[in-house]
Amino acid sequence: MNAPETWLALLRVVVGAWFLKAVWTKLVLEFLWGVVPYPVVSERFLAFHPKRVAEFAAGNPVGWYKDFLETTVMPQSRLFATLQAYGEAAVGLGLVLGLLTGLTALVGLFMCVNFALAAQWMSFGQQGFHLLLVTSMVIFLFARAGRAWGIDGWILAPRGGHRRRWLRLLM
């Protein structure tokens, strides 16, 4: 592994850890039959989400996005809160593990562009932060960042002359 691949893998893991940190209070564990744990979106986040979306929409200068927040996201707040929480968890895990990194980065890019459109007007810091996240996702996508220090590299390694070419689209 050369040094650029190592540094790219480190950046991928750090950004993934940030996504996992962001979802930490959004998911809670419930137990199926009192034994099998599974993650669900917390009632606290479900209650908070519509207030935060209203705040993002209130002064948003991007007219079509403000309209989207007010007419689509707010009325379906539980659905969008659930998608956000599970999406952040999936992106975080995918980046940390280097698993399906191409697909993970594409989902992360979609989420980060939406976060940027929602919050970019609030401060210069928001603009810079989301620009860095969007740029990171583009780099992870096109560099196929999970092939170094990731499960993608292990899965795609040639074994007995057989390469999994169809998987390269997702990794």
Protein backbone atom coordinates (compact mmCIF):
# COMPACT_ATOMS: atom_id res chain seq x y z
CA MET A 1 0.00 0.00 0.00
CA ASN A 2 1.47 3.37 -0.91
CA ALA A 3 1.26 6.47 1.26
CA PRO A 4 -1.59 8.25 -0.64
CA GLU A 5 -3.82 5.18 -0.26
CA THR A 6 -3.05 5.07 3.45
CA TRP A 7 -3.91 8.73 3.98
CA LEU A 8 -7.08 8.38 1.90
CA ALA A 9 -8.11 5.40 4.02
CA LEU A 10 -7.45 7.39 7.19
CA LEU A 11 -9.64 10.26 5.92
CA ARG A 12 -12.37 7.77 4.97
CA VAL A 13 -12.34 6.24 8.45
CA VAL A 14 -12.40 9.64 10.19
CA VAL A 15 -15.33 10.90 8.07
CA GLY A 16 -17.14 7.60 8.71
CA ALA A 17 -16.56 7.96 12.44
CA TRP A 18 -18.00 11.48 12.27
CA PHE A 19 -21.17 10.08 10.65
CA LEU A 20 -21.43 7.43 13.38
CA LYS A 21 -21.01 10.11 16.04
CA ALA A 22 -23.77 12.14 14.39
CA VAL A 23 -26.19 9.21 14.61
CA TRP A 24 -25.27 8.25 18.19
CA THR A 25 -28.32 9.89 19.81
CA LYS A 26 -30.68 9.31 16.88
CA LEU A 27 -30.86 5.53 17.22
CA VAL A 28 -31.70 3.40 20.25
CA LEU A 29 -31.75 -0.37 20.67
CA GLU A 30 -34.98 -2.24 21.13
CA PHE A 31 -35.20 -5.98 21.66
CA LEU A 32 -37.22 -8.45 19.64
CA TRP A 33 -38.67 -11.08 21.97
CA GLY A 34 -36.63 -9.45 24.70
CA VAL A 35 -33.45 -10.97 23.24
CA VAL A 36 -32.49 -9.80 19.73
CA PRO A 37 -31.35 -6.15 19.63
CA TYR A 38 -32.19 -3.98 16.64
CA PRO A 39 -31.80 -0.21 16.08
CA VAL A 40 -34.82 2.09 15.91
CA VAL A 41 -35.03 5.86 15.60
CA SER A 42 -35.38 7.48 19.01
CA GLU A 43 -38.58 9.32 19.91
CA ARG A 44 -36.41 12.24 20.97
CA PHE A 45 -35.00 12.62 17.42
CA LEU A 46 -38.43 12.09 15.84
CA ALA A 47 -39.77 14.97 17.98
CA PHE A 48 -36.75 17.21 17.31
CA HIS A 49 -36.59 16.70 13.53
CA PRO A 50 -39.60 18.83 12.46
CA LYS A 51 -38.37 21.74 14.59
CA ARG A 52 -34.92 21.59 13.02
CA VAL A 53 -36.33 21.35 9.49
CA ALA A 54 -38.54 24.38 10.17
CA GLU A 55 -35.43 26.25 11.32
CA PHE A 56 -33.59 25.27 8.12
CA ALA A 57 -36.54 26.38 5.99
CA ALA A 58 -37.28 29.65 7.79
CA GLY A 59 -34.64 31.82 6.18
CA ASN A 60 -33.40 29.59 3.41
CA PRO A 61 -32.69 31.73 0.34
CA VAL A 62 -32.80 28.76 -2.07
CA GLY A 63 -36.47 29.01 -3.00
CA TRP A 64 -37.05 25.57 -4.47
CA TYR A 65 -35.26 23.89 -1.56
CA LYS A 66 -37.14 25.93 1.03
CA ASP A 67 -40.36 24.84 -0.69
CA PHE A 68 -39.19 21.21 -0.64
CA LEU A 69 -38.48 21.43 3.11
CA GLU A 70 -41.85 23.04 3.88
CA THR A 71 -44.12 21.03 1.58
CA THR A 72 -42.43 17.61 1.47
CA VAL A 73 -40.06 17.09 4.39
CA MET A 74 -42.03 18.74 7.22
CA PRO A 75 -45.34 16.92 6.54
CA GLN A 76 -43.43 13.61 6.34
CA SER A 77 -41.02 14.38 9.14
CA ARG A 78 -41.05 10.91 10.72
CA LEU A 79 -40.15 9.31 7.40
CA PHE A 80 -37.32 11.78 6.70
CA ALA A 81 -35.98 11.52 10.26
CA THR A 82 -35.91 7.74 9.89
CA LEU A 83 -34.19 7.95 6.49
CA GLN A 84 -31.65 10.40 7.89
CA ALA A 85 -30.79 8.29 10.94
CA TYR A 86 -30.45 5.00 9.05
CA GLY A 87 -28.65 6.75 6.18
CA GLU A 88 -26.09 8.29 8.52
CA ALA A 89 -25.55 4.92 10.20
CA ALA A 90 -25.10 3.16 6.85
CA VAL A 91 -22.69 5.80 5.53
CA GLY A 92 -20.72 5.78 8.79
CA LEU A 93 -20.39 2.00 8.90
CA GLY A 94 -19.64 1.73 5.18
CA LEU A 95 -16.87 4.32 5.36
CA VAL A 96 -15.30 3.02 8.58
CA LEU A 97 -15.27 -0.56 7.29
CA GLY A 98 -14.50 0.32 3.68
CA LEU A 99 -17.55 -1.72 2.66
CA LEU A 100 -19.37 -1.01 -0.62
CA THR A 101 -17.52 2.29 -0.56
CA GLY A 102 -18.70 3.46 -3.99
CA LEU A 103 -22.34 3.01 -3.03
CA THR A 104 -21.71 4.36 0.48
CA ALA A 105 -20.01 7.48 -0.91
CA LEU A 106 -22.88 8.03 -3.36
CA VAL A 107 -25.46 7.87 -0.55
CA GLY A 108 -23.22 10.09 1.59
CA LEU A 109 -22.87 12.58 -1.26
CA PHE A 110 -26.66 12.76 -1.65
CA MET A 111 -27.08 13.33 2.08
CA CYS A 112 -24.29 15.92 2.31
CA VAL A 113 -25.65 17.93 -0.64
CA ASN A 114 -29.04 18.00 1.07
CA PHE A 115 -27.51 19.00 4.41
CA ALA A 116 -25.59 21.76 2.60
CA LEU A 117 -28.70 23.05 0.84
CA ALA A 118 -30.56 23.11 4.15
CA ALA A 119 -27.89 24.81 6.26
CA GLN A 120 -25.58 26.75 3.91
CA TRP A 121 -27.31 30.05 4.54
CA MET A 122 -26.92 29.87 8.33
CA SER A 123 -23.18 30.62 8.57
CA PHE A 124 -19.91 30.66 6.71
CA GLY A 125 -18.80 27.73 8.88
CA GLN A 126 -21.74 25.64 7.63
CA GLN A 127 -20.77 26.39 4.05
CA GLY A 128 -17.16 25.33 4.58
CA PHE A 129 -18.03 22.22 6.58
CA HIS A 130 -20.48 20.91 4.01
CA LEU A 131 -18.15 21.78 1.14
CA LEU A 132 -15.50 19.58 2.78
CA LEU A 133 -17.98 16.73 3.31
CA VAL A 134 -19.25 16.90 -0.29
CA THR A 135 -15.67 17.02 -1.61
CA SER A 136 -14.68 14.07 0.58
CA MET A 137 -17.60 11.98 -0.70
CA VAL A 138 -16.71 12.75 -4.33
CA ILE A 139 -13.10 11.72 -3.67
CA PHE A 140 -14.16 8.52 -1.87
CA LEU A 141 -16.47 7.67 -4.77
CA PHE A 142 -14.01 8.18 -7.61
CA ALA A 143 -10.90 6.97 -5.77
CA ARG A 144 -12.74 3.83 -4.59
CA ALA A 145 -11.36 4.53 -1.16
CA GLY A 146 -12.46 1.22 0.40
CA ARG A 147 -9.90 -0.77 -1.55
CA ALA A 148 -7.16 0.27 0.88
CA TRP A 149 -7.67 -0.68 4.54
CA GLY A 150 -11.19 -1.79 3.72
CA ILE A 151 -13.36 -4.83 3.19
CA ASP A 152 -13.75 -3.84 -0.48
CA GLY A 153 -10.05 -4.48 -1.09
CA TRP A 154 -10.24 -7.85 0.61
CA ILE A 155 -13.32 -8.90 -1.40
CA LEU A 156 -11.86 -7.72 -4.70
CA ALA A 157 -8.45 -9.35 -4.17
CA PRO A 158 -7.84 -11.99 -6.84
CA ARG A 159 -8.18 -15.55 -5.57
CA GLY A 160 -7.41 -18.46 -7.84
CA GLY A 161 -7.64 -16.31 -10.97
CA HIS A 162 -11.25 -15.32 -10.21
CA ARG A 163 -12.06 -11.62 -9.90
CA ARG A 164 -15.46 -10.34 -8.87
CA ARG A 165 -15.82 -7.72 -11.60
CA TRP A 166 -19.52 -7.12 -11.08
CA LEU A 167 -18.84 -6.02 -7.51
CA ARG A 168 -16.44 -3.30 -8.70
CA LEU A 169 -19.46 -1.13 -9.55
CA LEU A 170 -20.45 -0.92 -5.89
CA MET A 171 -16.99 -0.77 -4.36
